[in-house]
Amino acid sequence: VKRNYFNSVKLFSNLIERRGGPLSGHGRRMADLAKKLGTEMQCSADDVQDIVVGALLHDIGMVGLPDAIVTRPLPSLSGNEMEQYRRHPELGEQALMSLDDMQKVSAMIRSHHERPDGMGFPDRLMREQIPMGARIISVIDYYDDLMSGYLGPGMSSVDAQTKMRRLRGTQLDSEVLDVFLQMMASKENNNKPIEAVVAVEQLEPGMVLTKDLVSQEGVLLLAADHAMTPQMIQRIAEYERRRGLNLRLKVRVPRR
């Protein structure tokens, strides 16, 4: 039953993303972040599951909207088109009304465009009036929209996070945003390569030289940012052996 439930959710999500434009891949990226952020927020396993489903289906109300609205960046919509767009949370809730197991999810979908300052839609809820799942979805939705270019020119992750910090407590929930930013900082730190000084026998393919390798005569042998390959490591080892040296190279080591 659980497998069939998730298969149905994935089917709905795929139908949404087949509309193309900014929706392509959006739900799947959201679901991945939703699972991580829900866990970081110490939500229960059942709540995390509902938040993931809500992330996959949060734009299900967009299915009934014209292509002219769905496939274009939000700032390009006319006033009438924006009014239609603002109905999609309600339409999404209505689409799930008959499904008993989806009522928590449908509440998240209805409220994922609400704001802590009460300036959201459709109900102008404030702060704790907004379901926690909706607050989580709102943060990751805004992040992905900034990255994908749905809200204007696409941003880098760093620039998107900088903009989000300015919306803390107004458009984005303070508690959720703080945890999200900590999560992203931890992820980025974990992905950063480690810098180390290694002997030639410790060199491995994929390591990147961070300091020029210069001979005793002052000749540049390898410039910084050169990536190690098995062939290059072999040549460095042979150079070291022939010259009777004990080389130490400064490199970036990819995290495993």
Protein backbone atom coordinates (compact mmCIF):
# COMPACT_ATOMS: atom_id res chain seq x y z
CA VAL A 1 0.00 0.00 0.00
CA LYS A 2 2.80 2.40 0.91
CA ARG A 3 4.60 1.64 -2.36
CA ASN A 4 1.41 2.27 -4.36
CA TYR A 5 0.88 5.52 -2.47
CA PHE A 6 4.33 6.82 -3.38
CA ASN A 7 4.01 5.60 -6.95
CA SER A 8 0.82 7.63 -7.26
CA VAL A 9 2.52 10.68 -5.78
CA LYS A 10 5.41 10.34 -8.25
CA LEU A 11 2.93 9.99 -11.10
CA PHE A 12 1.20 13.23 -10.09
CA SER A 13 4.57 14.94 -9.76
CA ASN A 14 5.68 13.77 -13.20
CA LEU A 15 2.46 15.10 -14.73
CA ILE A 16 3.14 18.52 -13.18
CA GLU A 17 6.71 18.62 -14.48
CA ARG A 18 5.66 17.59 -17.99
CA ARG A 19 4.23 21.08 -18.37
CA GLY A 20 7.84 22.16 -18.86
CA GLY A 21 9.31 25.60 -18.22
CA PRO A 22 10.27 26.41 -14.62
CA LEU A 23 8.39 23.34 -13.36
CA SER A 24 10.81 20.88 -14.95
CA GLY A 25 12.69 19.12 -12.15
CA HIS A 26 11.34 21.60 -9.59
CA GLY A 27 9.33 19.12 -7.51
CA ARG A 28 12.11 16.54 -7.39
CA ARG A 29 14.69 19.10 -6.26
CA MET A 30 12.21 20.36 -3.68
CA ALA A 31 11.54 16.87 -2.34
CA ASP A 32 15.24 16.23 -1.76
CA LEU A 33 15.67 19.49 0.16
CA ALA A 34 12.36 18.96 2.01
CA LYS A 35 13.48 15.61 3.38
CA LYS A 36 16.78 17.05 4.61
CA LEU A 37 15.26 20.22 6.05
CA GLY A 38 12.35 18.40 7.70
CA THR A 39 14.84 16.09 9.37
CA GLU A 40 17.02 19.03 10.46
CA MET A 41 13.88 20.67 11.92
CA GLN A 42 13.45 17.48 14.00
CA CYS A 43 10.04 16.71 12.52
CA SER A 44 8.70 13.21 13.10
CA ALA A 45 9.21 10.56 10.42
CA ASP A 46 5.54 10.76 9.44
CA ASP A 47 5.68 14.54 9.20
CA VAL A 48 8.85 14.40 7.09
CA GLN A 49 7.07 11.99 4.75
CA ASP A 50 4.12 14.38 4.42
CA ILE A 51 6.46 17.33 3.82
CA VAL A 52 8.26 15.42 1.06
CA VAL A 53 4.92 14.59 -0.58
CA GLY A 54 3.83 18.21 -0.17
CA ALA A 55 7.06 19.36 -1.83
CA LEU A 56 6.49 17.02 -4.77
CA LEU A 57 2.90 18.13 -5.23
CA HIS A 58 2.94 21.76 -4.03
CA ASP A 59 2.36 23.05 -7.57
CA ILE A 60 -0.30 20.51 -8.54
CA GLY A 61 -2.76 23.40 -8.82
CA MET A 62 -0.68 24.73 -11.74
CA VAL A 63 -1.75 21.79 -13.91
CA GLY A 64 -5.01 23.50 -14.86
CA LEU A 65 -3.42 26.86 -15.70
CA PRO A 66 -2.64 27.96 -19.29
CA ASP A 67 0.83 27.31 -20.70
CA ALA A 68 1.30 31.08 -21.03
CA ILE A 69 1.32 31.27 -17.22
CA VAL A 70 3.05 28.01 -16.30
CA THR A 71 6.02 28.22 -18.67
CA ARG A 72 7.05 31.84 -18.11
CA PRO A 73 9.02 33.54 -15.30
CA LEU A 74 6.78 35.08 -12.67
CA PRO A 75 7.84 38.74 -13.23
CA SER A 76 6.66 38.54 -16.85
CA LEU A 77 3.03 37.75 -15.98
CA SER A 78 0.34 40.37 -16.52
CA GLY A 79 -2.03 41.46 -13.77
CA ASN A 80 -4.75 39.05 -14.91
CA GLU A 81 -2.29 36.21 -15.30
CA MET A 82 -0.94 36.87 -11.82
CA GLU A 83 -4.46 36.62 -10.41
CA GLN A 84 -4.82 33.20 -12.04
CA TYR A 85 -1.39 32.15 -10.76
CA ARG A 86 -2.31 33.12 -7.19
CA ARG A 87 -5.19 30.63 -7.29
CA HIS A 88 -2.94 27.58 -7.68
CA PRO A 89 -2.58 26.84 -3.92
CA GLU A 90 -6.38 26.64 -3.59
CA LEU A 91 -6.69 24.59 -6.77
CA GLY A 92 -4.04 22.22 -5.44
CA GLU A 93 -5.93 21.76 -2.17
CA GLN A 94 -9.14 21.09 -4.09
CA ALA A 95 -7.44 18.45 -6.24
CA LEU A 96 -6.65 16.43 -3.09
CA MET A 97 -9.93 17.01 -1.25
CA SER A 98 -11.28 13.48 -1.76
CA LEU A 99 -8.12 11.73 -0.53
CA ASP A 100 -8.28 11.05 3.21
CA ASP A 101 -4.53 10.39 3.56
CA MET A 102 -3.69 13.69 1.85
CA GLN A 103 -5.39 16.18 4.14
CA LYS A 104 -2.22 17.28 5.98
CA VAL A 105 -0.48 17.54 2.63
CA SER A 106 -3.34 19.54 1.10
CA ALA A 107 -3.15 22.02 4.01
CA MET A 108 0.56 22.52 3.29
CA ILE A 109 -0.17 23.01 -0.41
CA ARG A 110 -2.85 25.60 0.32
CA SER A 111 -0.53 27.56 2.61
CA HIS A 112 2.88 27.30 0.93
CA HIS A 113 2.62 30.92 -0.33
CA GLU A 114 1.59 32.37 3.03
CA ARG A 115 4.08 34.71 4.74
CA PRO A 116 4.96 35.35 8.39
CA ASP A 117 4.09 39.04 7.92
CA GLY A 118 0.57 38.19 6.73
CA MET A 119 1.16 39.43 3.18
CA GLY A 120 0.91 36.01 1.53
CA PHE A 121 -1.99 34.22 -0.15
CA PRO A 122 -4.65 32.86 -0.23
CA ASP A 123 -5.60 33.37 3.45
CA ARG A 124 -3.09 36.00 4.67
CA LEU A 125 -2.07 33.77 7.56
CA MET A 126 0.71 34.88 9.92
CA ARG A 127 3.59 33.14 11.71
CA GLU A 128 2.38 30.10 13.69
CA GLN A 129 -0.96 30.13 11.86
CA ILE A 130 0.95 28.70 8.89
CA PRO A 131 1.48 24.91 9.09
CA MET A 132 5.10 24.00 9.74
CA GLY A 133 5.20 21.90 6.58
CA ALA A 134 4.07 24.88 4.53
CA ARG A 135 6.74 27.07 6.13
CA ILE A 136 9.40 24.51 5.19
CA ILE A 137 8.10 24.18 1.63
CA SER A 138 7.96 27.97 1.29
CA VAL A 139 11.64 28.37 2.12
CA ILE A 140 12.91 25.67 -0.24
CA ASP A 141 10.44 26.73 -2.95
CA TYR A 142 11.79 30.29 -2.88
CA TYR A 143 15.38 29.02 -2.91
CA ASP A 144 14.81 26.80 -5.94
CA ASP A 145 12.86 29.54 -7.75
CA LEU A 146 15.77 31.95 -7.29
CA MET A 147 18.22 29.36 -8.58
CA SER A 148 16.10 28.27 -11.57
CA GLY A 149 15.37 31.77 -12.84
CA TYR A 150 11.61 31.61 -12.17
CA LEU A 151 11.78 34.88 -10.22
CA GLY A 152 14.18 36.63 -12.59
CA PRO A 153 17.76 35.95 -13.73
CA GLY A 154 19.00 32.71 -12.15
CA MET A 155 21.20 33.10 -9.08
CA SER A 156 24.03 31.10 -7.59
CA SER A 157 23.36 29.29 -4.33
CA VAL A 158 25.38 31.90 -2.41
CA ASP A 159 23.48 34.85 -3.94
CA ALA A 160 20.14 33.14 -3.38
CA GLN A 161 20.94 32.60 0.31
CA THR A 162 22.05 36.22 0.65
CA LYS A 163 18.73 37.44 -0.72
CA MET A 164 16.80 35.05 1.52
CA ARG A 165 18.51 36.43 4.62
CA ARG A 166 16.99 39.83 3.83
CA LEU A 167 13.50 38.26 3.89
CA ARG A 168 13.88 36.63 7.30
CA GLY A 169 10.71 37.05 9.35
CA THR A 170 8.79 38.83 6.58
CA GLN A 171 8.41 36.55 3.58
CA LEU A 172 10.27 33.57 5.04
CA ASP A 173 9.85 31.97 8.46
CA SER A 174 12.77 32.91 10.72
CA GLU A 175 13.19 29.54 12.44
CA VAL A 176 12.99 27.51 9.23
CA LEU A 177 15.26 29.88 7.33
CA ASP A 178 17.92 29.78 10.04
CA VAL A 179 17.99 25.98 9.99
CA PHE A 180 17.99 25.95 6.19
CA LEU A 181 20.97 28.32 5.98
CA GLN A 182 22.87 26.29 8.58
CA MET A 183 22.11 23.13 6.61
CA MET A 184 23.35 24.69 3.36
CA ALA A 185 26.51 26.02 5.04
CA SER A 186 27.26 22.57 6.43
CA LYS A 187 26.68 21.01 3.01
CA GLU A 188 28.98 23.50 1.31
CA ASN A 189 31.69 23.01 3.93
CA ASN A 190 31.44 19.24 3.58
CA ASN A 191 31.81 19.56 -0.18
CA LYS A 192 34.90 21.74 0.04
CA PRO A 193 38.11 19.90 -0.80
CA ILE A 194 40.73 19.51 1.90
CA GLU A 195 44.10 21.21 1.39
CA ALA A 196 47.13 19.16 2.30
CA VAL A 197 50.87 18.85 1.73
CA VAL A 198 51.67 15.36 0.46
CA ALA A 199 54.65 13.31 -0.65
CA VAL A 200 54.77 12.09 -4.24
CA GLU A 201 53.83 8.54 -3.20
CA GLN A 202 50.66 9.97 -1.61
CA LEU A 203 49.46 11.65 -4.80
CA GLU A 204 46.20 10.33 -6.21
CA PRO A 205 44.26 11.07 -9.40
CA GLY A 206 41.84 13.95 -8.85
CA MET A 207 44.07 15.88 -6.47
CA VAL A 208 44.68 19.44 -7.68
CA LEU A 209 47.96 21.29 -7.30
CA THR A 210 47.48 24.53 -5.33
CA LYS A 211 51.06 25.81 -5.58
CA ASP A 212 53.38 25.89 -8.61
CA LEU A 213 55.86 23.04 -8.77
CA VAL A 214 59.23 24.66 -9.61
CA SER A 215 62.57 22.93 -10.25
CA GLN A 216 65.75 23.80 -8.33
CA GLU A 217 66.78 25.81 -11.40
CA GLY A 218 63.63 27.91 -11.22
CA VAL A 219 61.86 26.21 -14.14
CA LEU A 220 58.06 25.91 -13.83
CA LEU A 221 57.28 22.21 -14.02
CA LEU A 222 53.56 22.30 -13.16
CA ALA A 223 51.32 25.30 -12.60
CA ALA A 224 48.84 25.58 -9.76
CA ASP A 225 45.34 24.21 -10.51
CA HIS A 226 46.77 21.31 -12.49
CA ALA A 227 44.71 18.17 -11.81
CA MET A 228 46.64 15.00 -11.12
CA THR A 229 46.28 12.07 -13.52
CA PRO A 230 47.93 8.64 -13.22
CA GLN A 231 50.32 9.60 -16.04
CA MET A 232 51.27 12.90 -14.42
CA ILE A 233 51.85 11.27 -11.04
CA GLN A 234 54.14 8.74 -12.73
CA ARG A 235 56.15 11.53 -14.42
CA ILE A 236 56.51 13.46 -11.14
CA ALA A 237 57.69 10.28 -9.38
CA GLU A 238 60.24 9.64 -12.13
CA TYR A 239 61.49 13.25 -11.93
CA GLU A 240 61.86 12.94 -8.16
CA ARG A 241 63.77 9.63 -8.50
CA ARG A 242 66.15 10.90 -11.17
CA ARG A 243 67.01 14.07 -9.25
CA GLY A 244 67.25 12.36 -5.88
CA LEU A 245 64.68 14.71 -4.38
CA ASN A 246 62.12 14.37 -1.60
CA LEU A 247 59.28 16.47 -3.01
CA ARG A 248 56.31 17.79 -1.07
CA LEU A 249 53.37 19.11 -3.05
CA LYS A 250 50.51 21.31 -1.84
CA VAL A 251 47.22 19.95 -3.19
CA ARG A 252 43.46 20.04 -2.80
CA VAL A 253 42.12 16.61 -1.88
CA PRO A 254 38.51 15.85 -2.90
CA ARG A 255 36.31 14.79 0.02
CA ARG A 256 35.18 11.19 -0.16
